[in-house]
Amino acid sequence: MVLYTPLSTDEIYPAQASQQKTISYQGRTIIVEETEHHQQQILQLISTDPNDYLQTNFTPGTVINNEPIHDDM
């Protein structure tokens, strides 16, 4: 199979599995990763609404503390 993409091979086939999860947070779908202090850090927002990307509470790197989080999967 030929894969045409601007991404590097490491981005497509990561060497080790990370602790990333897709969850629902404040009605939006986001990808988070657990930090060493058992908090959730936002890695990516998945939305079709451009206004969601302007909200600072969905900025990548934002740490979610003691918020009710629901797994999508």
PDB file of N, CA and C in Angstrom:
ATOM      1  N   MET A   1       0.839  -1.167   0.000  1.00  0.00           N
ATOM      2  CA  MET A   1       0.000   0.000   0.000  1.00  0.00           C
ATOM      3  C   MET A   1       0.890   1.238   0.000  1.00  0.00           C
ATOM      4  N   VAL A   2       0.530   2.226  -0.794  1.00  0.00           N
ATOM      5  CA  VAL A   2       1.241   3.489  -0.852  1.00  0.00           C
ATOM      6  C   VAL A   2       0.446   4.508  -0.066  1.00  0.00           C
ATOM      7  N   LEU A   3       1.130   5.238   0.803  1.00  0.00           N
ATOM      8  CA  LEU A   3       0.483   6.226   1.644  1.00  0.00           C
ATOM      9  C   LEU A   3       1.093   7.591   1.343  1.00  0.00           C
ATOM     10  N   TYR A   4       0.309   8.477   0.751  1.00  0.00           N
ATOM     11  CA  TYR A   4       0.762   9.822   0.428  1.00  0.00           C
ATOM     12  C   TYR A   4       0.331  10.763   1.551  1.00  0.00           C
ATOM     13  N   THR A   5       1.285  11.282   2.294  1.00  0.00           N
ATOM     14  CA  THR A   5       0.974  12.129   3.443  1.00  0.00           C
ATOM     15  C   THR A   5       2.159  13.037   3.762  1.00  0.00           C
ATOM     16  N   PRO A   6       1.886  14.226   4.294  1.00  0.00           N
ATOM     17  CA  PRO A   6       2.985  15.097   4.718  1.00  0.00           C
ATOM     18  C   PRO A   6       3.539  14.724   6.092  1.00  0.00           C
ATOM     19  N   LEU A   7       2.935  13.743   6.753  1.00  0.00           N
ATOM     20  CA  LEU A   7       3.372  13.329   8.080  1.00  0.00           C
ATOM     21  C   LEU A   7       4.594  12.427   8.000  1.00  0.00           C
ATOM     22  N   SER A   8       5.390  12.458   9.067  1.00  0.00           N
ATOM     23  CA  SER A   8       6.555  11.581   9.111  1.00  0.00           C
ATOM     24  C   SER A   8       6.117  10.159   9.460  1.00  0.00           C
ATOM     25  N   THR A   9       6.993   9.223   9.228  1.00  0.00           N
ATOM     26  CA  THR A   9       6.702   7.826   9.536  1.00  0.00           C
ATOM     27  C   THR A   9       6.439   7.635  11.026  1.00  0.00           C
ATOM     28  N   ASP A  10       7.171   8.365  11.868  1.00  0.00           N
ATOM     29  CA  ASP A  10       6.978   8.257  13.313  1.00  0.00           C
ATOM     30  C   ASP A  10       5.598   8.742  13.753  1.00  0.00           C
ATOM     31  N   GLU A  11       5.049   9.720  13.053  1.00  0.00           N
ATOM     32  CA  GLU A  11       3.717  10.208  13.396  1.00  0.00           C
ATOM     33  C   GLU A  11       2.628   9.216  12.981  1.00  0.00           C
ATOM     34  N   ILE A  12       2.864   8.498  11.905  1.00  0.00           N
ATOM     35  CA  ILE A  12       1.883   7.526  11.427  1.00  0.00           C
ATOM     36  C   ILE A  12       1.965   6.239  12.223  1.00  0.00           C
ATOM     37  N   TYR A  13       3.178   5.774  12.463  1.00  0.00           N
ATOM     38  CA  TYR A  13       3.413   4.531  13.203  1.00  0.00           C
ATOM     39  C   TYR A  13       4.259   4.836  14.431  1.00  0.00           C
ATOM     40  N   PRO A  14       3.634   5.267  15.527  1.00  0.00           N
ATOM     41  CA  PRO A  14       4.422   5.612  16.720  1.00  0.00           C
ATOM     42  C   PRO A  14       5.126   4.387  17.290  1.00  0.00           C
ATOM     43  N   ALA A  15       6.313   4.609  17.841  1.00  0.00           N
ATOM     44  CA  ALA A  15       7.130   3.517  18.369  1.00  0.00           C
ATOM     45  C   ALA A  15       6.482   2.868  19.598  1.00  0.00           C
ATOM     46  N   GLN A  16       5.906   3.672  20.453  1.00  0.00           N
ATOM     47  CA  GLN A  16       5.268   3.109  21.630  1.00  0.00           C
ATOM     48  C   GLN A  16       3.864   3.680  21.770  1.00  0.00           C
ATOM     49  N   ALA A  17       3.009   2.890  22.349  1.00  0.00           N
ATOM     50  CA  ALA A  17       1.626   3.338  22.538  1.00  0.00           C
ATOM     51  C   ALA A  17       1.580   4.352  23.668  1.00  0.00           C
ATOM     52  N   SER A  18       0.898   5.445  23.440  1.00  0.00           N
ATOM     53  CA  SER A  18       0.779   6.455  24.479  1.00  0.00           C
ATOM     54  C   SER A  18      -0.530   6.268  25.236  1.00  0.00           C
ATOM     55  N   GLN A  19      -0.725   7.069  26.240  1.00  0.00           N
ATOM     56  CA  GLN A  19      -1.914   6.979  27.081  1.00  0.00           C
ATOM     57  C   GLN A  19      -2.990   7.956  26.603  1.00  0.00           C
ATOM     58  N   GLN A  20      -3.141   8.118  25.304  1.00  0.00           N
ATOM     59  CA  GLN A  20      -4.127   9.036  24.761  1.00  0.00           C
ATOM     60  C   GLN A  20      -5.511   8.400  24.767  1.00  0.00           C
ATOM     61  N   LYS A  21      -6.514   9.222  25.104  1.00  0.00           N
ATOM     62  CA  LYS A  21      -7.900   8.781  25.095  1.00  0.00           C
ATOM     63  C   LYS A  21      -8.745   9.835  24.402  1.00  0.00           C
ATOM     64  N   THR A  22      -9.769   9.393  23.713  1.00  0.00           N
ATOM     65  CA  THR A  22     -10.754  10.285  23.134  1.00  0.00           C
ATOM     66  C   THR A  22     -11.931  10.350  24.093  1.00  0.00           C
ATOM     67  N   ILE A  23     -12.246  11.575  24.551  1.00  0.00           N
ATOM     68  CA  ILE A  23     -13.309  11.744  25.535  1.00  0.00           C
ATOM     69  C   ILE A  23     -14.231  12.887  25.127  1.00  0.00           C
ATOM     70  N   SER A  24     -15.355  12.973  25.814  1.00  0.00           N
ATOM     71  CA  SER A  24     -16.270  14.086  25.656  1.00  0.00           C
ATOM     72  C   SER A  24     -16.079  15.012  26.847  1.00  0.00           C
ATOM     73  N   TYR A  25     -15.823  16.299  26.577  1.00  0.00           N
ATOM     74  CA  TYR A  25     -15.581  17.285  27.627  1.00  0.00           C
ATOM     75  C   TYR A  25     -16.355  18.542  27.275  1.00  0.00           C
ATOM     76  N   GLN A  26     -17.259  18.935  28.134  1.00  0.00           N
ATOM     77  CA  GLN A  26     -18.117  20.098  27.927  1.00  0.00           C
ATOM     78  C   GLN A  26     -18.833  20.036  26.576  1.00  0.00           C
ATOM     79  N   GLY A  27     -19.268  18.844  26.212  1.00  0.00           N
ATOM     80  CA  GLY A  27     -20.021  18.652  24.982  1.00  0.00           C
ATOM     81  C   GLY A  27     -19.183  18.605  23.717  1.00  0.00           C
ATOM     82  N   ARG A  28     -17.860  18.610  23.849  1.00  0.00           N
ATOM     83  CA  ARG A  28     -16.961  18.559  22.687  1.00  0.00           C
ATOM     84  C   ARG A  28     -16.120  17.291  22.765  1.00  0.00           C
ATOM     85  N   THR A  29     -15.679  16.801  21.631  1.00  0.00           N
ATOM     86  CA  THR A  29     -14.803  15.638  21.591  1.00  0.00           C
ATOM     87  C   THR A  29     -13.361  16.120  21.585  1.00  0.00           C
ATOM     88  N   ILE A  30     -12.569  15.600  22.524  1.00  0.00           N
ATOM     89  CA  ILE A  30     -11.161  15.979  22.614  1.00  0.00           C
ATOM     90  C   ILE A  30     -10.311  14.729  22.827  1.00  0.00           C
ATOM     91  N   ILE A  31      -9.036  14.856  22.502  1.00  0.00           N
ATOM     92  CA  ILE A  31      -8.061  13.805  22.785  1.00  0.00           C
ATOM     93  C   ILE A  31      -7.208  14.311  23.937  1.00  0.00           C
ATOM     94  N   VAL A  32      -7.110  13.488  24.992  1.00  0.00           N
ATOM     95  CA  VAL A  32      -6.351  13.859  26.182  1.00  0.00           C
ATOM     96  C   VAL A  32      -5.293  12.805  26.483  1.00  0.00           C
ATOM     97  N   GLU A  33      -4.346  13.217  27.300  1.00  0.00           N
ATOM     98  CA  GLU A  33      -3.301  12.310  27.774  1.00  0.00           C
ATOM     99  C   GLU A  33      -3.167  12.520  29.274  1.00  0.00           C
ATOM    100  N   GLU A  34      -3.004  11.435  30.024  1.00  0.00           N
ATOM    101  CA  GLU A  34      -2.880  11.553  31.473  1.00  0.00           C
ATOM    102  C   GLU A  34      -1.476  12.012  31.836  1.00  0.00           C
ATOM    103  N   THR A  35      -1.401  13.003  32.741  1.00  0.00           N
ATOM    104  CA  THR A  35      -0.116  13.507  33.208  1.00  0.00           C
ATOM    105  C   THR A  35       0.359  12.663  34.379  1.00  0.00           C
ATOM    106  N   GLU A  36       1.552  12.950  34.856  1.00  0.00           N
ATOM    107  CA  GLU A  36       2.107  12.190  35.979  1.00  0.00           C
ATOM    108  C   GLU A  36       1.370  12.463  37.287  1.00  0.00           C
ATOM    109  N   HIS A  37       0.588  13.538  37.345  1.00  0.00           N
ATOM    110  CA  HIS A  37      -0.183  13.865  38.546  1.00  0.00           C
ATOM    111  C   HIS A  37      -1.634  13.404  38.421  1.00  0.00           C
ATOM    112  N   HIS A  38      -1.881  12.469  37.511  1.00  0.00           N
ATOM    113  CA  HIS A  38      -3.205  11.883  37.280  1.00  0.00           C
ATOM    114  C   HIS A  38      -4.244  12.931  36.879  1.00  0.00           C
ATOM    115  N   GLN A  39      -3.808  13.898  36.094  1.00  0.00           N
ATOM    116  CA  GLN A  39      -4.706  14.893  35.523  1.00  0.00           C
ATOM    117  C   GLN A  39      -4.782  14.628  34.024  1.00  0.00           C
ATOM    118  N   GLN A  40      -5.746  15.227  33.379  1.00  0.00           N
ATOM    119  CA  GLN A  40      -5.896  15.073  31.938  1.00  0.00           C
ATOM    120  C   GLN A  40      -5.404  16.346  31.249  1.00  0.00           C
ATOM    121  N   GLN A  41      -4.538  16.191  30.248  1.00  0.00           N
ATOM    122  CA  GLN A  41      -4.039  17.327  29.480  1.00  0.00           C
ATOM    123  C   GLN A  41      -4.585  17.226  28.059  1.00  0.00           C
ATOM    124  N   ILE A  42      -5.167  18.312  27.566  1.00  0.00           N
ATOM    125  CA  ILE A  42      -5.750  18.314  26.230  1.00  0.00           C
ATOM    126  C   ILE A  42      -4.641  18.303  25.184  1.00  0.00           C
ATOM    127  N   LEU A  43      -4.747  17.360  24.245  1.00  0.00           N
ATOM    128  CA  LEU A  43      -3.810  17.282  23.131  1.00  0.00           C
ATOM    129  C   LEU A  43      -4.426  17.832  21.846  1.00  0.00           C
ATOM    130  N   GLN A  44      -5.721  17.565  21.654  1.00  0.00           N
ATOM    131  CA  GLN A  44      -6.357  17.953  20.390  1.00  0.00           C
ATOM    132  C   GLN A  44      -7.860  18.080  20.579  1.00  0.00           C
ATOM    133  N   LEU A  45      -8.436  19.079  19.933  1.00  0.00           N
ATOM    134  CA  LEU A  45      -9.881  19.256  19.886  1.00  0.00           C
ATOM    135  C   LEU A  45     -10.365  18.741  18.542  1.00  0.00           C
ATOM    136  N   ILE A  46     -11.447  17.979  18.563  1.00  0.00           N
ATOM    137  CA  ILE A  46     -12.031  17.460  17.326  1.00  0.00           C
ATOM    138  C   ILE A  46     -13.420  18.060  17.204  1.00  0.00           C
ATOM    139  N   SER A  47     -13.579  19.024  16.303  1.00  0.00           N
ATOM    140  CA  SER A  47     -14.851  19.715  16.164  1.00  0.00           C
ATOM    141  C   SER A  47     -14.994  20.256  14.746  1.00  0.00           C
ATOM    142  N   THR A  48     -16.227  20.350  14.301  1.00  0.00           N
ATOM    143  CA  THR A  48     -16.501  20.962  12.996  1.00  0.00           C
ATOM    144  C   THR A  48     -16.943  22.412  13.144  1.00  0.00           C
ATOM    145  N   ASP A  49     -17.082  22.879  14.393  1.00  0.00           N
ATOM    146  CA  ASP A  49     -17.481  24.260  14.658  1.00  0.00           C
ATOM    147  C   ASP A  49     -16.233  25.124  14.846  1.00  0.00           C
ATOM    148  N   PRO A  50     -15.975  26.076  13.941  1.00  0.00           N
ATOM    149  CA  PRO A  50     -14.782  26.924  14.067  1.00  0.00           C
ATOM    150  C   PRO A  50     -14.732  27.720  15.362  1.00  0.00           C
ATOM    151  N   ASN A  51     -15.871  28.056  15.938  1.00  0.00           N
ATOM    152  CA  ASN A  51     -15.891  28.831  17.179  1.00  0.00           C
ATOM    153  C   ASN A  51     -15.332  28.041  18.358  1.00  0.00           C
ATOM    154  N   ASP A  52     -15.399  26.709  18.309  1.00  0.00           N
ATOM    155  CA  ASP A  52     -14.831  25.893  19.386  1.00  0.00           C
ATOM    156  C   ASP A  52     -13.322  26.111  19.499  1.00  0.00           C
ATOM    157  N   TYR A  53     -12.657  26.341  18.385  1.00  0.00           N
ATOM    158  CA  TYR A  53     -11.203  26.503  18.384  1.00  0.00           C
ATOM    159  C   TYR A  53     -10.774  27.856  18.941  1.00  0.00           C
ATOM    160  N   LEU A  54     -11.707  28.793  19.085  1.00  0.00           N
ATOM    161  CA  LEU A  54     -11.405  30.107  19.651  1.00  0.00           C
ATOM    162  C   LEU A  54     -11.556  30.135  21.163  1.00  0.00           C
ATOM    163  N   GLN A  55     -12.133  29.111  21.745  1.00  0.00           N
ATOM    164  CA  GLN A  55     -12.325  29.047  23.191  1.00  0.00           C
ATOM    165  C   GLN A  55     -11.042  28.575  23.867  1.00  0.00           C
ATOM    166  N   THR A  56     -10.586  29.323  24.844  1.00  0.00           N
ATOM    167  CA  THR A  56      -9.303  29.014  25.492  1.00  0.00           C
ATOM    168  C   THR A  56      -9.348  27.754  26.347  1.00  0.00           C
ATOM    169  N   ASN A  57     -10.542  27.321  26.773  1.00  0.00           N
ATOM    170  CA  ASN A  57     -10.607  26.111  27.599  1.00  0.00           C
ATOM    171  C   ASN A  57     -10.392  24.837  26.794  1.00  0.00           C
ATOM    172  N   PHE A  58     -10.286  24.932  25.465  1.00  0.00           N
ATOM    173  CA  PHE A  58      -9.993  23.773  24.621  1.00  0.00           C
ATOM    174  C   PHE A  58      -8.607  23.865  23.976  1.00  0.00           C
ATOM    175  N   THR A  59      -7.778  24.781  24.442  1.00  0.00           N
ATOM    176  CA  THR A  59      -6.439  24.957  23.901  1.00  0.00           C
ATOM    177  C   THR A  59      -5.567  23.748  24.248  1.00  0.00           C
ATOM    178  N   PRO A  60      -4.827  23.206  23.256  1.00  0.00           N
ATOM    179  CA  PRO A  60      -3.918  22.100  23.568  1.00  0.00           C
ATOM    180  C   PRO A  60      -2.934  22.498  24.663  1.00  0.00           C
ATOM    181  N   GLY A  61      -2.729  21.597  25.598  1.00  0.00           N
ATOM    182  CA  GLY A  61      -1.860  21.854  26.735  1.00  0.00           C
ATOM    183  C   GLY A  61      -2.625  22.211  27.995  1.00  0.00           C
ATOM    184  N   THR A  62      -3.911  22.534  27.857  1.00  0.00           N
ATOM    185  CA  THR A  62      -4.738  22.854  29.013  1.00  0.00           C
ATOM    186  C   THR A  62      -4.932  21.609  29.869  1.00  0.00           C
ATOM    187  N   VAL A  63      -4.746  21.761  31.176  1.00  0.00           N
ATOM    188  CA  VAL A  63      -4.909  20.647  32.103  1.00  0.00           C
ATOM    189  C   VAL A  63      -6.315  20.709  32.679  1.00  0.00           C
ATOM    190  N   ILE A  64      -6.981  19.565  32.661  1.00  0.00           N
ATOM    191  CA  ILE A  64      -8.340  19.459  33.178  1.00  0.00           C
ATOM    192  C   ILE A  64      -8.247  18.886  34.580  1.00  0.00           C
ATOM    193  N   ASN A  65      -8.686  19.638  35.569  1.00  0.00           N
ATOM    194  CA  ASN A  65      -8.624  19.202  36.969  1.00  0.00           C
ATOM    195  C   ASN A  65     -10.003  18.873  37.489  1.00  0.00           C
ATOM    196  N   ASN A  66     -10.167  17.707  38.054  1.00  0.00           N
ATOM    197  CA  ASN A  66     -11.386  17.307  38.758  1.00  0.00           C
ATOM    198  C   ASN A  66     -12.673  17.669  38.027  1.00  0.00           C
ATOM    199  N   GLU A  67     -12.669  17.527  36.733  1.00  0.00           N
ATOM    200  CA  GLU A  67     -13.854  17.790  35.930  1.00  0.00           C
ATOM    201  C   GLU A  67     -14.519  16.462  35.606  1.00  0.00           C
ATOM    202  N   PRO A  68     -15.841  16.431  35.496  1.00  0.00           N
ATOM    203  CA  PRO A  68     -16.481  15.188  35.078  1.00  0.00           C
ATOM    204  C   PRO A  68     -16.139  14.891  33.616  1.00  0.00           C
ATOM    205  N   ILE A  69     -15.527  13.746  33.378  1.00  0.00           N
ATOM    206  CA  ILE A  69     -15.061  13.372  32.049  1.00  0.00           C
ATOM    207  C   ILE A  69     -15.761  12.083  31.647  1.00  0.00           C
ATOM    208  N   HIS A  70     -16.236  12.038  30.430  1.00  0.00           N
ATOM    209  CA  HIS A  70     -16.935  10.866  29.921  1.00  0.00           C
ATOM    210  C   HIS A  70     -16.171  10.294  28.744  1.00  0.00           C
ATOM    211  N   ASP A  71     -15.862   8.999  28.811  1.00  0.00           N
ATOM    212  CA  ASP A  71     -15.210   8.325  27.688  1.00  0.00           C
ATOM    213  C   ASP A  71     -16.190   8.166  26.550  1.00  0.00           C
ATOM    214  N   ASP A  72     -15.732   8.436  25.316  1.00  0.00           N
ATOM    215  CA  ASP A  72     -16.556   8.222  24.142  1.00  0.00           C
ATOM    216  C   ASP A  72     -16.512   6.769  23.705  1.00  0.00           C
ATOM    217  N   MET A  73     -15.409   6.111  23.994  1.00  0.00           N
ATOM    218  CA  MET A  73     -15.211   4.766  23.505  1.00  0.00           C
ATOM    219  C   MET A  73     -15.721   3.822  24.486  1.00  0.00           C
TER     220      MET A  73
END
